[in-house]
Amino acid sequence: SLAVLQGLEDGLKKAEADPSVKAVMICGENGKFSAGADIRGFSSPNRPSISLGSLVSLIERSEKPVVAAIEGVALGGGLEVALGCHYRVAHVKALMGLPEVTIGLLPGAEGTQRLPRLVGVPTALEIITTGKHIPATEALKLGLVDEVVEENTVEAAIRLANQV
């Protein structure tokens, strides 16, 4: 939603400007990272002040390490947000993917460029064109995430952020 995009942008800009902040951790709420964009918003006449693509680029350009704490699902735009992060920690039960292709949409926030950098072109093409959900353990083997944990994902992401 626009509120989530704006909140993430505001939080990132505040963290960048604060010298006491050494790293940023992005997590979802209620055990889910993000199921992606609400497609009903695509037909809205109101133009958001920030797009998902520009937000993901802002995350990627951060001079401070940004770590995604992925719980539940990181699908569509949610995965694209995670791809913009410098590091990704996933709960063992998390699922990731770009399922929008199953309804005829291509990932629109540069996930088609960032995903191949992490997992290679053949694997990225399969993920992008099939819309399949990737379990965390497979995502680790593919290089999509840096760590898989069974414990509290947020705490693990904060630990990783402190290490880097």
C-alpha atoms as a PDB file:
ATOM      1  CA  SER A   1       0.000   0.000   0.000  1.00  0.00           C
ATOM      2  CA  LEU A   2       1.002   3.604  -0.354  1.00  0.00           C
ATOM      3  CA  ALA A   3       1.236   3.892   3.441  1.00  0.00           C
ATOM      4  CA  VAL A   4       3.763   1.032   3.592  1.00  0.00           C
ATOM      5  CA  LEU A   5       5.844   2.477   0.753  1.00  0.00           C
ATOM      6  CA  GLN A   6       5.837   5.906   2.385  1.00  0.00           C
ATOM      7  CA  GLY A   7       6.682   4.458   5.796  1.00  0.00           C
ATOM      8  CA  LEU A   8       9.619   2.522   4.392  1.00  0.00           C
ATOM      9  CA  GLU A   9      10.899   5.562   2.500  1.00  0.00           C
ATOM     10  CA  ASP A  10      10.588   7.806   5.567  1.00  0.00           C
ATOM     11  CA  GLY A  11      12.272   5.239   7.806  1.00  0.00           C
ATOM     12  CA  LEU A  12      15.161   4.692   5.397  1.00  0.00           C
ATOM     13  CA  LYS A  13      15.772   8.413   4.958  1.00  0.00           C
ATOM     14  CA  LYS A  14      15.665   8.946   8.718  1.00  0.00           C
ATOM     15  CA  ALA A  15      18.125   6.078   9.286  1.00  0.00           C
ATOM     16  CA  GLU A  16      20.484   7.399   6.605  1.00  0.00           C
ATOM     17  CA  ALA A  17      20.508  10.848   8.215  1.00  0.00           C
ATOM     18  CA  ASP A  18      21.078   9.561  11.757  1.00  0.00           C
ATOM     19  CA  PRO A  19      24.778   8.929  12.477  1.00  0.00           C
ATOM     20  CA  SER A  20      23.898   6.723  15.449  1.00  0.00           C
ATOM     21  CA  VAL A  21      22.153   4.226  13.135  1.00  0.00           C
ATOM     22  CA  LYS A  22      24.694   1.714  11.846  1.00  0.00           C
ATOM     23  CA  ALA A  23      22.361  -0.652   9.945  1.00  0.00           C
ATOM     24  CA  VAL A  24      18.700  -1.079   9.016  1.00  0.00           C
ATOM     25  CA  MET A  25      16.499  -4.142   9.385  1.00  0.00           C
ATOM     26  CA  ILE A  26      13.247  -4.453   7.430  1.00  0.00           C
ATOM     27  CA  CYS A  27      10.580  -6.893   8.576  1.00  0.00           C
ATOM     28  CA  GLY A  28       6.898  -7.457   8.061  1.00  0.00           C
ATOM     29  CA  GLU A  29       4.100  -7.661  10.538  1.00  0.00           C
ATOM     30  CA  ASN A  30       2.126 -10.576  11.955  1.00  0.00           C
ATOM     31  CA  GLY A  31       4.603 -13.207  10.758  1.00  0.00           C
ATOM     32  CA  LYS A  32       4.615 -12.156   7.099  1.00  0.00           C
ATOM     33  CA  PHE A  33       7.276 -10.143   5.310  1.00  0.00           C
ATOM     34  CA  SER A  34       5.067  -9.020   2.404  1.00  0.00           C
ATOM     35  CA  ALA A  35       2.690 -10.663  -0.013  1.00  0.00           C
ATOM     36  CA  GLY A  36       3.373  -7.876  -2.504  1.00  0.00           C
ATOM     37  CA  ALA A  37       1.324  -5.111  -4.023  1.00  0.00           C
ATOM     38  CA  ASP A  38      -2.445  -4.894  -3.923  1.00  0.00           C
ATOM     39  CA  ILE A  39      -3.332  -5.218  -7.614  1.00  0.00           C
ATOM     40  CA  ARG A  40      -6.483  -3.156  -7.066  1.00  0.00           C
ATOM     41  CA  GLY A  41      -4.175  -0.174  -6.695  1.00  0.00           C
ATOM     42  CA  PHE A  42      -2.905  -0.557 -10.274  1.00  0.00           C
ATOM     43  CA  SER A  43      -6.100   1.002 -11.643  1.00  0.00           C
ATOM     44  CA  SER A  44      -6.204   3.830  -9.106  1.00  0.00           C
ATOM     45  CA  PRO A  45      -6.247   7.307 -10.658  1.00  0.00           C
ATOM     46  CA  ASN A  46      -4.111   8.607  -7.784  1.00  0.00           C
ATOM     47  CA  ARG A  47      -0.402   8.504  -8.551  1.00  0.00           C
ATOM     48  CA  PRO A  48       1.668   7.584  -5.487  1.00  0.00           C
ATOM     49  CA  SER A  49       4.481   9.913  -4.500  1.00  0.00           C
ATOM     50  CA  ILE A  50       6.884   6.950  -4.475  1.00  0.00           C
ATOM     51  CA  SER A  51       6.872   3.820  -6.602  1.00  0.00           C
ATOM     52  CA  LEU A  52       7.895   0.365  -5.468  1.00  0.00           C
ATOM     53  CA  GLY A  53      10.799   0.424  -7.939  1.00  0.00           C
ATOM     54  CA  SER A  54      12.171   3.708  -6.632  1.00  0.00           C
ATOM     55  CA  LEU A  55      11.822   2.465  -3.039  1.00  0.00           C
ATOM     56  CA  VAL A  56      13.752  -0.726  -3.834  1.00  0.00           C
ATOM     57  CA  SER A  57      16.462   1.372  -5.510  1.00  0.00           C
ATOM     58  CA  LEU A  58      16.601   3.594  -2.422  1.00  0.00           C
ATOM     59  CA  ILE A  59      17.121   0.507  -0.246  1.00  0.00           C
ATOM     60  CA  GLU A  60      19.830  -0.811  -2.544  1.00  0.00           C
ATOM     61  CA  ARG A  61      21.682   2.530  -2.599  1.00  0.00           C
ATOM     62  CA  SER A  62      21.748   2.820   1.192  1.00  0.00           C
ATOM     63  CA  GLU A  63      25.245   3.409   2.512  1.00  0.00           C
ATOM     64  CA  LYS A  64      24.250   1.523   5.650  1.00  0.00           C
ATOM     65  CA  PRO A  65      23.681  -2.241   5.506  1.00  0.00           C
ATOM     66  CA  VAL A  66      20.012  -3.164   5.066  1.00  0.00           C
ATOM     67  CA  VAL A  67      18.897  -6.626   6.178  1.00  0.00           C
ATOM     68  CA  ALA A  68      15.524  -8.202   5.350  1.00  0.00           C
ATOM     69  CA  ALA A  69      13.970 -10.445   8.018  1.00  0.00           C
ATOM     70  CA  ILE A  70      11.700 -12.686   5.952  1.00  0.00           C
ATOM     71  CA  GLU A  71       8.920 -14.510   7.778  1.00  0.00           C
ATOM     72  CA  GLY A  72       5.887 -16.135   6.211  1.00  0.00           C
ATOM     73  CA  VAL A  73       5.974 -14.932   2.638  1.00  0.00           C
ATOM     74  CA  ALA A  74       7.991 -12.556   0.489  1.00  0.00           C
ATOM     75  CA  LEU A  75       6.051 -12.626  -2.753  1.00  0.00           C
ATOM     76  CA  GLY A  76       5.912 -10.299  -5.734  1.00  0.00           C
ATOM     77  CA  GLY A  77       6.768  -6.779  -4.652  1.00  0.00           C
ATOM     78  CA  GLY A  78       7.633  -8.132  -1.219  1.00  0.00           C
ATOM     79  CA  LEU A  79      10.398 -10.257  -2.701  1.00  0.00           C
ATOM     80  CA  GLU A  80      11.519  -7.288  -4.779  1.00  0.00           C
ATOM     81  CA  VAL A  81      11.902  -5.255  -1.558  1.00  0.00           C
ATOM     82  CA  ALA A  82      13.967  -8.098  -0.078  1.00  0.00           C
ATOM     83  CA  LEU A  83      16.079  -8.261  -3.259  1.00  0.00           C
ATOM     84  CA  GLY A  84      16.952  -4.584  -2.780  1.00  0.00           C
ATOM     85  CA  CYS A  85      18.293  -5.317   0.693  1.00  0.00           C
ATOM     86  CA  HIS A  86      21.992  -6.062   1.074  1.00  0.00           C
ATOM     87  CA  TYR A  87      21.315  -9.209   3.125  1.00  0.00           C
ATOM     88  CA  ARG A  88      18.342 -11.528   3.629  1.00  0.00           C
ATOM     89  CA  VAL A  89      17.557 -13.756   6.626  1.00  0.00           C
ATOM     90  CA  ALA A  90      14.588 -16.099   6.243  1.00  0.00           C
ATOM     91  CA  HIS A  91      12.653 -18.230   8.671  1.00  0.00           C
ATOM     92  CA  VAL A  92      12.809 -21.912   7.748  1.00  0.00           C
ATOM     93  CA  LYS A  93       9.063 -21.877   6.944  1.00  0.00           C
ATOM     94  CA  ALA A  94       9.225 -18.780   4.703  1.00  0.00           C
ATOM     95  CA  LEU A  95       8.269 -18.859   1.027  1.00  0.00           C
ATOM     96  CA  MET A  96       9.556 -16.515  -1.682  1.00  0.00           C
ATOM     97  CA  GLY A  97       8.572 -15.979  -5.293  1.00  0.00           C
ATOM     98  CA  LEU A  98       7.205 -13.786  -8.042  1.00  0.00           C
ATOM     99  CA  PRO A  99       3.699 -15.208  -8.541  1.00  0.00           C
ATOM    100  CA  GLU A 100       2.318 -12.224 -10.457  1.00  0.00           C
ATOM    101  CA  VAL A 101       3.177 -13.977 -13.726  1.00  0.00           C
ATOM    102  CA  THR A 102       0.375 -16.440 -13.012  1.00  0.00           C
ATOM    103  CA  ILE A 103      -2.101 -13.593 -13.613  1.00  0.00           C
ATOM    104  CA  GLY A 104      -0.229 -12.168 -16.596  1.00  0.00           C
ATOM    105  CA  LEU A 105       1.914  -9.525 -14.894  1.00  0.00           C
ATOM    106  CA  LEU A 106       5.688  -9.201 -14.963  1.00  0.00           C
ATOM    107  CA  PRO A 107       7.599  -8.171 -11.842  1.00  0.00           C
ATOM    108  CA  GLY A 108       7.709  -4.393 -12.089  1.00  0.00           C
ATOM    109  CA  ALA A 109      10.188  -3.233  -9.450  1.00  0.00           C
ATOM    110  CA  GLU A 110      13.381  -4.497 -11.104  1.00  0.00           C
ATOM    111  CA  GLY A 111      13.141  -7.967  -9.598  1.00  0.00           C
ATOM    112  CA  THR A 112      13.863  -9.313 -13.066  1.00  0.00           C
ATOM    113  CA  GLN A 113      17.262  -7.590 -12.900  1.00  0.00           C
ATOM    114  CA  ARG A 114      18.166  -8.222  -9.249  1.00  0.00           C
ATOM    115  CA  LEU A 115      17.144 -11.880  -9.048  1.00  0.00           C
ATOM    116  CA  PRO A 116      19.573 -13.117 -11.766  1.00  0.00           C
ATOM    117  CA  ARG A 117      22.447 -11.370  -9.960  1.00  0.00           C
ATOM    118  CA  LEU A 118      21.806 -13.553  -6.914  1.00  0.00           C
ATOM    119  CA  VAL A 119      20.758 -16.903  -8.364  1.00  0.00           C
ATOM    120  CA  GLY A 120      22.006 -16.846 -11.965  1.00  0.00           C
ATOM    121  CA  VAL A 121      20.056 -16.398 -15.171  1.00  0.00           C
ATOM    122  CA  PRO A 122      18.688 -19.954 -15.687  1.00  0.00           C
ATOM    123  CA  THR A 123      17.324 -20.203 -12.136  1.00  0.00           C
ATOM    124  CA  ALA A 124      15.973 -16.645 -12.224  1.00  0.00           C
ATOM    125  CA  LEU A 125      14.181 -17.342 -15.504  1.00  0.00           C
ATOM    126  CA  GLU A 126      12.504 -20.386 -13.989  1.00  0.00           C
ATOM    127  CA  ILE A 127      11.397 -18.446 -10.895  1.00  0.00           C
ATOM    128  CA  ILE A 128      10.188 -15.464 -12.930  1.00  0.00           C
ATOM    129  CA  THR A 129       8.318 -17.423 -15.595  1.00  0.00           C
ATOM    130  CA  THR A 130       6.678 -20.085 -13.417  1.00  0.00           C
ATOM    131  CA  GLY A 131       5.657 -18.005 -10.401  1.00  0.00           C
ATOM    132  CA  LYS A 132       6.532 -20.925  -8.129  1.00  0.00           C
ATOM    133  CA  HIS A 133       7.082 -20.380  -4.415  1.00  0.00           C
ATOM    134  CA  ILE A 134      10.620 -21.121  -3.231  1.00  0.00           C
ATOM    135  CA  PRO A 135      10.975 -22.572   0.301  1.00  0.00           C
ATOM    136  CA  ALA A 136      13.628 -20.928   2.499  1.00  0.00           C
ATOM    137  CA  THR A 137      15.953 -23.937   2.506  1.00  0.00           C
ATOM    138  CA  GLU A 138      15.973 -24.008  -1.302  1.00  0.00           C
ATOM    139  CA  ALA A 139      16.404 -20.212  -1.386  1.00  0.00           C
ATOM    140  CA  LEU A 140      19.544 -20.608   0.737  1.00  0.00           C
ATOM    141  CA  LYS A 141      20.987 -23.203  -1.648  1.00  0.00           C
ATOM    142  CA  LEU A 142      20.218 -20.907  -4.605  1.00  0.00           C
ATOM    143  CA  GLY A 143      21.852 -17.885  -2.972  1.00  0.00           C
ATOM    144  CA  LEU A 144      18.578 -15.979  -2.692  1.00  0.00           C
ATOM    145  CA  VAL A 145      18.961 -15.653   1.093  1.00  0.00           C
ATOM    146  CA  ASP A 146      22.073 -15.446   3.230  1.00  0.00           C
ATOM    147  CA  GLU A 147      20.792 -17.318   6.261  1.00  0.00           C
ATOM    148  CA  VAL A 148      17.862 -19.535   7.276  1.00  0.00           C
ATOM    149  CA  VAL A 149      16.855 -19.721  10.922  1.00  0.00           C
ATOM    150  CA  GLU A 150      14.347 -21.642  13.022  1.00  0.00           C
ATOM    151  CA  GLU A 151      14.363 -19.033  15.765  1.00  0.00           C
ATOM    152  CA  ASN A 152      13.201 -15.424  15.827  1.00  0.00           C
ATOM    153  CA  THR A 153      13.970 -14.041  12.369  1.00  0.00           C
ATOM    154  CA  VAL A 154      14.013 -10.416  13.490  1.00  0.00           C
ATOM    155  CA  GLU A 155      16.605 -11.140  16.178  1.00  0.00           C
ATOM    156  CA  ALA A 156      18.706 -13.119  13.674  1.00  0.00           C
ATOM    157  CA  ALA A 157      18.541 -10.236  11.174  1.00  0.00           C
ATOM    158  CA  ILE A 158      19.598  -7.759  13.854  1.00  0.00           C
ATOM    159  CA  ARG A 159      22.516 -10.039  14.773  1.00  0.00           C
ATOM    160  CA  LEU A 160      23.585 -10.175  11.116  1.00  0.00           C
ATOM    161  CA  ALA A 161      23.208  -6.399  10.782  1.00  0.00           C
ATOM    162  CA  ASN A 162      25.441  -5.922  13.828  1.00  0.00           C
ATOM    163  CA  GLN A 163      28.039  -8.283  12.357  1.00  0.00           C
ATOM    164  CA  VAL A 164      28.240  -6.482   9.035  1.00  0.00           C
END
